[in-house]
Protein backbone atom coordinates (compact mmCIF):
# COMPACT_ATOMS: atom_id res chain seq x y z
CA MET A 1 127.49 -153.35 125.11
CA GLN A 2 126.49 -154.66 128.53
CA TRP A 3 124.11 -151.73 129.14
CA TYR A 4 123.22 -150.86 125.54
CA GLY A 5 119.76 -152.36 125.79
CA ILE A 6 119.93 -154.81 122.90
CA ASP A 7 121.18 -158.34 122.55
CA PRO A 8 124.72 -158.70 121.14
CA LEU A 9 124.97 -158.52 117.36
CA ARG A 10 125.39 -161.97 115.80
CA ASP A 11 127.86 -161.13 113.04
CA LEU A 12 129.35 -158.45 110.81
CA SER A 13 126.23 -158.17 108.62
CA ALA A 14 124.09 -157.47 111.72
CA ALA A 15 126.56 -154.73 112.72
CA GLU A 16 126.40 -153.23 109.22
CA GLU A 17 122.60 -153.26 109.39
CA ARG A 18 122.73 -151.49 112.77
CA ILE A 19 124.98 -148.80 111.29
CA ARG A 20 122.55 -148.28 108.37
CA ALA A 21 119.68 -147.93 110.84
CA LEU A 22 121.61 -145.32 112.84
CA GLN A 23 122.41 -143.40 109.65
CA GLY A 24 118.68 -143.16 108.87
CA LEU A 25 117.69 -141.75 112.25
CA GLY A 26 117.90 -138.16 111.05
CA ARG A 27 115.09 -138.79 108.57
CA GLN A 28 112.62 -140.19 111.12
CA PRO A 29 109.48 -138.28 112.22
CA ASN A 30 111.20 -137.76 115.60
CA PRO A 31 114.77 -137.43 114.31
CA ALA A 32 117.97 -138.23 116.11
CA CYS A 33 121.47 -136.75 116.05
CA PRO A 34 124.02 -139.54 116.60
CA TRP A 35 127.75 -138.76 116.56
CA ALA A 36 130.77 -141.05 116.43
CA LEU A 37 133.47 -140.39 119.03
CA GLU A 38 137.14 -140.72 118.31
CA THR A 39 140.37 -139.85 120.05
CA LYS A 40 142.25 -136.84 118.72
CA ALA A 41 145.68 -138.41 118.96
CA GLU A 42 145.02 -141.67 117.11
CA SER A 43 141.72 -140.84 115.36
CA ARG A 44 140.45 -144.09 116.89
CA PHE A 45 136.70 -144.79 117.05
CA ILE A 46 135.80 -145.20 120.74
CA GLY A 47 132.01 -144.88 120.93
CA THR A 48 128.92 -142.89 120.10
CA CYS A 49 126.81 -140.21 121.69
CA GLY A 50 123.57 -138.72 120.49
CA LEU A 51 120.20 -137.12 121.00
CA PHE A 52 117.20 -139.30 120.15
CA ALA A 53 113.39 -139.27 120.07
CA TRP A 54 113.22 -135.53 119.53
CA ASN A 55 109.75 -134.17 120.29
CA ARG A 56 109.81 -130.69 118.78
CA ASN A 57 106.46 -129.66 120.23
CA TRP A 58 107.47 -130.56 123.76
CA ARG A 59 111.08 -129.37 123.24
CA LYS A 60 112.59 -132.54 124.66
CA CYS A 61 114.60 -135.57 123.62
CA SER A 62 116.57 -138.46 125.07
CA VAL A 63 120.32 -138.93 125.19
CA GLY A 64 122.12 -142.19 124.51
CA TYR A 65 125.78 -143.15 124.48
CA GLU A 66 128.32 -145.94 124.70
CA LEU A 67 132.06 -145.99 125.11
CA ALA A 68 134.76 -148.62 124.57
CA ARG A 69 135.65 -150.25 127.87
CA ASP A 70 139.38 -149.54 127.57
CA VAL A 71 138.86 -145.75 127.47
CA GLN A 72 136.21 -145.44 130.17
CA GLY A 73 137.01 -143.22 133.14
CA ARG A 74 139.11 -140.73 131.14
CA GLY A 75 136.51 -137.97 130.71
CA TYR A 76 135.69 -138.66 127.06
CA MET A 77 131.98 -139.18 127.64
CA THR A 78 131.64 -136.17 129.93
CA GLU A 79 133.19 -134.05 127.17
CA ALA A 80 131.02 -135.59 124.44
CA LEU A 81 127.78 -135.33 126.42
CA SER A 82 128.51 -131.72 127.34
CA ALA A 83 128.85 -130.90 123.63
CA ALA A 84 125.68 -132.85 122.77
CA ILE A 85 123.74 -131.05 125.51
CA ARG A 86 124.93 -127.64 124.32
CA TYR A 87 123.94 -128.57 120.76
CA GLY A 88 120.50 -129.67 121.92
CA LEU A 89 119.85 -126.58 123.99
CA GLU A 90 121.22 -124.10 121.45
CA ARG A 91 120.44 -125.61 118.04
CA MET A 92 117.41 -127.79 118.76
CA GLU A 93 115.97 -125.34 121.32
CA LEU A 94 115.39 -128.12 123.84
CA ASN A 95 114.15 -127.51 127.35
CA ARG A 96 114.51 -131.10 128.61
CA ILE A 97 116.95 -133.93 127.90
CA GLU A 98 116.12 -137.34 129.33
CA ALA A 99 118.23 -140.42 130.02
CA GLN A 100 117.33 -143.91 131.14
CA VAL A 101 120.06 -145.93 132.82
CA HIS A 102 120.25 -149.40 134.31
CA PRO A 103 120.63 -149.10 138.11
CA SER A 104 123.86 -151.16 138.04
CA ASN A 105 125.57 -148.99 135.40
CA ARG A 106 127.67 -147.03 137.92
CA ARG A 107 129.84 -145.21 135.37
CA SER A 108 126.86 -143.92 133.41
CA LEU A 109 125.10 -142.82 136.60
CA ALA A 110 128.23 -140.91 137.63
CA VAL A 111 128.49 -139.13 134.25
CA LEU A 112 124.86 -138.05 134.35
CA ARG A 113 125.13 -136.77 137.91
CA ARG A 114 128.37 -134.94 137.04
CA LEU A 115 126.44 -133.14 134.28
CA ASP A 116 123.62 -132.19 136.70
CA PHE A 117 120.99 -134.64 135.47
CA VAL A 118 118.41 -135.23 138.20
CA GLU A 119 117.11 -138.70 139.04
CA GLU A 120 113.33 -138.70 138.72
CA GLY A 121 112.44 -142.29 139.55
CA ARG A 122 112.56 -145.98 138.71
CA LEU A 123 110.82 -147.36 135.64
CA ARG A 124 110.01 -150.93 136.62
CA GLN A 125 110.72 -153.57 133.95
CA ALA A 126 110.91 -150.85 131.30
CA ALA A 127 113.59 -152.58 129.20
CA TYR A 128 114.06 -156.07 127.82
CA TRP A 129 117.28 -157.66 126.61
CA GLY A 130 119.25 -160.80 127.29
CA GLY A 131 116.04 -162.71 127.85
CA GLN A 132 114.96 -160.70 130.89
CA TYR A 133 113.25 -157.47 131.92
CA HIS A 134 115.28 -154.68 133.49
CA ASP A 135 114.33 -151.75 135.68
CA MET A 136 115.69 -148.42 134.46
CA LEU A 137 116.33 -145.17 136.31
CA GLN A 138 114.85 -142.05 134.73
CA PHE A 139 117.03 -138.92 134.70
CA ALA A 140 116.46 -135.50 133.16
CA LEU A 141 118.33 -132.26 132.68
CA LEU A 142 116.37 -129.04 132.26
CA ARG A 143 117.65 -126.02 130.37
CA GLN A 144 117.60 -124.02 133.61
CA GLY A 145 119.75 -126.66 135.35
CA PHE A 146 122.57 -126.80 132.79
CA ARG A 147 125.88 -125.20 133.72
CA PRO A 148 127.95 -124.80 130.53
């Protein structure tokens, strides 16, 4: 949760509330498509991946994801994001998928670059968590730049 962009959840009831909020994202004016990720072998929950802030008129959205620390570096998120991107381009008819990443989140930066997202600039003090402001790097993938 280091790079998730919110303060840590205080207790189980806060986590349950967060889950309810995520479940309602599909009914928002700018809906989201969040998915749970699990391993095939153990059917173990390891993270989430999703498309958020869908602007139908502009044919764009943002991508967000998190992965359990003990399974990072094994290709799970690259696989999940590839599927989410294909879904967005094919089913949602997106032209642009955006991502904002903390400059120190090396693993996330590597995944985005591996999937041909292009860095577009630094958003100064665009995020706030942990009692401080954080710069974020803006990335985007265009339909024409995606290699399935």
